[in-house]
Amino acid sequence: MKNLPEELTVHIGATTLTNTEHNVLKVALDHMYEHLNDMRGDLDDHDDEVTNINRLKDVESLQELFRL
């Protein structure tokens, strides 16, 4: 990783992201959440619905992580 000024980085555990990388991940997670949420109730198979709900929970968990 490049040596960047502190104000341009986000630290998550041992990982350091630039502010731009951090923003890209937050936007991607928001879009994924919207996509999965739009699918709720539209899936034919119960197992697919359960998988979708679990993925929504995982996205929410990651969103919390990136709100540091």
C-alpha atoms as a PDB file:
ATOM      1  CA  MET A   1       0.000   0.000   0.000  1.00  0.00           C
ATOM      2  CA  LYS A   2       1.185   3.480  -0.784  1.00  0.00           C
ATOM      3  CA  ASN A   3       2.122   5.811   2.025  1.00  0.00           C
ATOM      4  CA  LEU A   4      -0.791   8.229   2.012  1.00  0.00           C
ATOM      5  CA  PRO A   5      -1.601  11.080   4.376  1.00  0.00           C
ATOM      6  CA  GLU A   6      -3.705   9.968   7.360  1.00  0.00           C
ATOM      7  CA  GLU A   7      -6.707  12.071   6.281  1.00  0.00           C
ATOM      8  CA  LEU A   8      -6.877  10.136   3.007  1.00  0.00           C
ATOM      9  CA  THR A   9      -7.086   6.699   4.591  1.00  0.00           C
ATOM     10  CA  VAL A  10      -9.503   4.506   6.575  1.00  0.00           C
ATOM     11  CA  HIS A  11      -8.140   1.838   8.936  1.00  0.00           C
ATOM     12  CA  ILE A  12     -10.141  -1.372   9.448  1.00  0.00           C
ATOM     13  CA  GLY A  13      -8.208  -3.806  11.570  1.00  0.00           C
ATOM     14  CA  ALA A  14      -4.870  -4.389   9.865  1.00  0.00           C
ATOM     15  CA  THR A  15      -6.236  -3.110   6.540  1.00  0.00           C
ATOM     16  CA  THR A  16      -5.892   0.448   5.334  1.00  0.00           C
ATOM     17  CA  LEU A  17      -8.097   1.780   2.545  1.00  0.00           C
ATOM     18  CA  THR A  18      -8.003   5.103   0.810  1.00  0.00           C
ATOM     19  CA  ASN A  19     -11.088   7.237   1.325  1.00  0.00           C
ATOM     20  CA  THR A  20     -12.017   6.556  -2.299  1.00  0.00           C
ATOM     21  CA  GLU A  21     -11.727   2.774  -1.840  1.00  0.00           C
ATOM     22  CA  HIS A  22     -13.797   3.032   1.336  1.00  0.00           C
ATOM     23  CA  ASN A  23     -16.479   5.023  -0.493  1.00  0.00           C
ATOM     24  CA  VAL A  24     -16.532   2.544  -3.411  1.00  0.00           C
ATOM     25  CA  LEU A  25     -17.151  -0.333  -0.989  1.00  0.00           C
ATOM     26  CA  LYS A  26     -19.906   1.561   0.833  1.00  0.00           C
ATOM     27  CA  VAL A  27     -21.685   2.391  -2.438  1.00  0.00           C
ATOM     28  CA  ALA A  28     -21.323  -1.194  -3.702  1.00  0.00           C
ATOM     29  CA  LEU A  29     -22.805  -2.544  -0.463  1.00  0.00           C
ATOM     30  CA  ASP A  30     -25.705  -0.076  -0.658  1.00  0.00           C
ATOM     31  CA  HIS A  31     -26.461  -1.202  -4.208  1.00  0.00           C
ATOM     32  CA  MET A  32     -26.201  -4.874  -3.251  1.00  0.00           C
ATOM     33  CA  TYR A  33     -28.593  -4.327  -0.343  1.00  0.00           C
ATOM     34  CA  GLU A  34     -31.107  -2.605  -2.628  1.00  0.00           C
ATOM     35  CA  HIS A  35     -30.828  -5.412  -5.185  1.00  0.00           C
ATOM     36  CA  LEU A  36     -31.307  -8.187  -2.609  1.00  0.00           C
ATOM     37  CA  ASN A  37     -34.136  -6.315  -0.903  1.00  0.00           C
ATOM     38  CA  ASP A  38     -35.926  -5.864  -4.238  1.00  0.00           C
ATOM     39  CA  MET A  39     -35.773  -9.647  -4.742  1.00  0.00           C
ATOM     40  CA  ARG A  40     -37.509 -10.426  -1.422  1.00  0.00           C
ATOM     41  CA  GLY A  41     -40.762 -12.258  -1.979  1.00  0.00           C
ATOM     42  CA  ASP A  42     -40.088 -12.751  -5.690  1.00  0.00           C
ATOM     43  CA  LEU A  43     -38.147 -15.999  -5.377  1.00  0.00           C
ATOM     44  CA  ASP A  44     -40.029 -19.233  -6.049  1.00  0.00           C
ATOM     45  CA  ASP A  45     -38.044 -21.519  -3.780  1.00  0.00           C
ATOM     46  CA  HIS A  46     -38.107 -21.210   0.030  1.00  0.00           C
ATOM     47  CA  ASP A  47     -34.403 -22.062   0.242  1.00  0.00           C
ATOM     48  CA  ASP A  48     -33.614 -19.252  -2.207  1.00  0.00           C
ATOM     49  CA  GLU A  49     -35.577 -16.830  -0.008  1.00  0.00           C
ATOM     50  CA  VAL A  50     -33.612 -17.974   3.058  1.00  0.00           C
ATOM     51  CA  THR A  51     -30.331 -17.567   1.174  1.00  0.00           C
ATOM     52  CA  ASN A  52     -31.379 -14.088   0.074  1.00  0.00           C
ATOM     53  CA  ILE A  53     -32.294 -13.073   3.625  1.00  0.00           C
ATOM     54  CA  ASN A  54     -28.956 -14.389   4.903  1.00  0.00           C
ATOM     55  CA  ARG A  55     -27.151 -12.377   2.239  1.00  0.00           C
ATOM     56  CA  LEU A  56     -29.080  -9.275   3.314  1.00  0.00           C
ATOM     57  CA  LYS A  57     -27.901  -9.856   6.886  1.00  0.00           C
ATOM     58  CA  ASP A  58     -24.311 -10.249   5.660  1.00  0.00           C
ATOM     59  CA  VAL A  59     -24.533  -7.001   3.694  1.00  0.00           C
ATOM     60  CA  GLU A  60     -25.899  -5.230   6.782  1.00  0.00           C
ATOM     61  CA  SER A  61     -22.993  -6.594   8.818  1.00  0.00           C
ATOM     62  CA  LEU A  62     -20.478  -5.325   6.273  1.00  0.00           C
ATOM     63  CA  GLN A  63     -22.233  -1.952   6.111  1.00  0.00           C
ATOM     64  CA  GLU A  64     -21.799  -1.621   9.876  1.00  0.00           C
ATOM     65  CA  LEU A  65     -18.114  -2.475   9.544  1.00  0.00           C
ATOM     66  CA  PHE A  66     -17.591   0.253   6.948  1.00  0.00           C
ATOM     67  CA  ARG A  67     -19.411   2.877   9.010  1.00  0.00           C
ATOM     68  CA  LEU A  68     -16.418   3.053  11.361  1.00  0.00           C
END
